[in-house]
Structures are given as structure tokens and as C-alpha cells.
Amino acid sequence: MNLRTAAWMIGNGSRFRGHDIVCRIARRCRHAREKHPVFAEGLPQAVGVIAEEMRELEQAMLHEGPERTVEESLDVIATAIRLVNGEHEESHGEKS
């Protein structure tokens, strides 16, 4: 799959909206790595980090409104990406 198709799929039929979403997720990933260079030490802790972000998402939805809910959703996605990327493993600092 190429990036254009991926953006179209993520944007639910709008490549431009998908591109915007991908860029927003990338910015959240950068922010998370700057704020928390060590994501987690092992899979259980990584899942715990994601669970904490989910709790923050729930609180935003209940008490802070739609904009904050979307921002917290991006944080959930960014932490899940860090898990999928293997950043909880010992070799997480290695880049290829």
C-alpha cells in the first residue's frame, strides 16, 4: 500500500483529511518522545501507559469537551504506536 492510499483510508475517503490526521499523530509521537524518552520497560508497563492514556481520554470526554477529547485520542494513538514500534523493548533506542 502506498502513502496516498493509506491517507485515503485513514481519512475515510478523503486523502487530505487522512494526511492531516497522520501529521497530527506524528506531531503527538514527537511530543511524547520528547516528554518521555523512555516509553516503558517491558510489555506490561507499555500496556499500562496506554491504559493511563485511555483513562485521560475518558476524563476528557466526561469533563473537558470535544476538542480535549480529540487531543487525548491522539495521545492514545501515539502511545499505541510506540508499543507497535517496539519502543518498550531493550533495543528501542536503535534506529534503522
Protein backbone atom coordinates (compact mmCIF):
# COMPACT_ATOMS: atom_id res chain seq x y z
CA MET A 1 0.00 0.00 0.00
CA ASN A 2 1.33 3.44 -0.82
CA LEU A 3 1.04 6.51 1.41
CA ARG A 4 -1.63 8.12 -0.76
CA THR A 5 -3.90 5.10 -0.39
CA ALA A 6 -3.19 4.91 3.34
CA ALA A 7 -4.12 8.59 3.77
CA TRP A 8 -7.31 7.99 1.79
CA MET A 9 -8.21 5.05 4.03
CA ILE A 10 -7.39 6.86 7.28
CA GLY A 11 -9.36 9.89 6.10
CA ASN A 12 -12.43 7.73 5.36
CA GLY A 13 -12.32 8.57 1.67
CA SER A 14 -10.59 11.95 1.96
CA ARG A 15 -6.87 11.81 1.24
CA PHE A 16 -6.44 15.37 2.54
CA ARG A 17 -8.20 14.65 5.83
CA GLY A 18 -6.17 11.44 6.17
CA HIS A 19 -2.94 13.32 5.56
CA ASP A 20 -3.92 15.86 8.23
CA ILE A 21 -4.66 13.07 10.72
CA VAL A 22 -1.35 11.34 10.03
CA CYS A 23 0.51 14.64 10.54
CA ARG A 24 -1.31 15.27 13.82
CA ILE A 25 -0.42 11.77 15.03
CA ALA A 26 3.23 12.27 14.00
CA ARG A 27 3.40 15.54 15.97
CA ARG A 28 1.94 13.76 19.04
CA CYS A 29 4.52 10.99 18.68
CA ARG A 30 7.32 13.57 18.53
CA HIS A 31 5.94 15.38 21.59
CA ALA A 32 5.58 12.11 23.53
CA ARG A 33 9.17 11.07 22.73
CA GLU A 34 10.49 14.48 23.79
CA LYS A 35 8.48 14.43 27.03
CA HIS A 36 9.03 10.71 27.80
CA PRO A 37 12.19 9.46 26.03
CA VAL A 38 11.80 6.10 27.76
CA PHE A 39 8.35 4.88 26.83
CA ALA A 40 8.15 1.78 29.01
CA GLU A 41 10.26 -1.05 30.32
CA GLY A 42 8.54 -4.15 29.02
CA LEU A 43 5.17 -5.00 27.58
CA PRO A 44 3.12 -4.86 30.82
CA GLN A 45 4.32 -1.32 31.53
CA ALA A 46 3.68 -0.29 27.91
CA VAL A 47 0.09 -1.52 28.15
CA GLY A 48 -0.20 0.35 31.45
CA VAL A 49 0.89 3.58 29.76
CA ILE A 50 -1.79 3.09 27.11
CA ALA A 51 -4.38 2.32 29.81
CA GLU A 52 -3.47 5.56 31.61
CA GLU A 53 -3.93 7.49 28.37
CA MET A 54 -7.32 5.80 27.97
CA ARG A 55 -8.31 6.98 31.47
CA GLU A 56 -7.28 10.53 30.50
CA LEU A 57 -9.35 10.19 27.32
CA GLU A 58 -12.38 9.13 29.35
CA GLN A 59 -11.94 12.07 31.74
CA ALA A 60 -11.64 14.49 28.82
CA MET A 61 -14.83 13.11 27.30
CA LEU A 62 -16.72 13.37 30.58
CA HIS A 63 -15.42 16.73 31.80
CA GLU A 64 -13.45 18.67 29.20
CA GLY A 65 -15.31 18.69 25.89
CA PRO A 66 -14.82 17.53 22.31
CA GLU A 67 -11.55 19.34 21.49
CA ARG A 68 -9.75 17.96 24.53
CA THR A 69 -11.24 14.53 23.83
CA VAL A 70 -9.71 14.56 20.34
CA GLU A 71 -6.35 15.63 21.78
CA GLU A 72 -6.41 12.77 24.27
CA SER A 73 -7.41 10.39 21.47
CA LEU A 74 -4.24 11.40 19.65
CA ASP A 75 -2.24 10.61 22.81
CA VAL A 76 -3.79 7.12 22.94
CA ILE A 77 -2.83 6.57 19.30
CA ALA A 78 0.72 7.87 19.88
CA THR A 79 1.29 5.55 22.84
CA ALA A 80 -0.13 2.59 20.91
CA ILE A 81 2.22 3.40 18.02
CA ARG A 82 5.16 3.39 20.43
CA LEU A 83 4.14 -0.11 21.55
CA VAL A 84 3.71 -1.34 17.96
CA ASN A 85 7.09 0.26 17.16
CA GLY A 86 8.70 -1.85 19.90
CA GLU A 87 9.82 1.13 21.99
CA HIS A 88 9.14 -0.86 25.16
CA GLU A 89 11.85 -3.36 24.28
CA GLU A 90 15.50 -3.02 25.32
CA SER A 91 16.61 -2.18 21.80
CA HIS A 92 14.09 0.65 21.47
CA GLY A 93 16.85 3.23 21.09
CA GLU A 94 18.20 1.60 17.94
CA LYS A 95 17.09 3.13 14.67
CA SER A 96 17.30 1.52 11.27
